[in-house]
């Protein structure tokens, strides 16, 4: 198991953030971990010099190759009011970058810009059949304008390392107060898809947030349809298979 994290010197300004990785000591995800240190996210993986600001790394496999994608800066800067872009690189293993980083997306669309800081962050990979998506967040996370966009690999045979292989759509999720920074899980029986995300508790600027989850679907072309964020206090049907799993855990005496 591997856990990717971002860390840096205390700020402000927050200009030293880099990506690191933890490796589990065995196959138990709840067991111990060792810190393997920084993952290189600069422009020269052979020399590993001039590492560059990077957060929110995640990894995925596509056609037997391992890739990483993250939010980063074009170059080191002295202010944290610096635009963030999405970068991708091929990985030699879960903790070593093999190829130079490639910028595959920048905040250029009208729905991605207009605030004090143009950014893209929090990339998460989503797959459906042969379709490959990167769902990301844009705009400022402390405002009600925080939102999701999608990059789709144009066809399964396209090179993920080529910016021309990706097409952008957005915004793709609407609802109360800055919904963004998502991840995806299956229901316990594997029949449903759920999006986990955070939203603001009020229209005031700041980072007071709720953690939310809701089911989403797919259109006829195999693209995700997130719909609208549920309202605070709205009741939802539990993920399918959760009740049976809960009964099984209680019956076997295992923790739930």
Foldseek 3Di string as FASTA:
>chain_A
DKDKFWDADDDVVPQGIFIWMWDAPDPDPPHDIDTPGTEAQAFDLVVSPQGFHWGQKDWDDAPNWIKIKTWTAPHGDPGPLGEIFIWMFTAPDPRYGDHGIAGQGGQDDPLQDDDSHRYKGQWEWDDDVLKIKTKIWGDDQQAQSIAIKIWIQCGSPDDPRDSVRIDIDDDQEAEGAHWGNWYWDAFPVRPWIKIWTWGAPDRHGDDHIDIDMDTWDADPVGHTHRYYDDDPPDDDDHHPPPVVVVVVCVVVVHDD
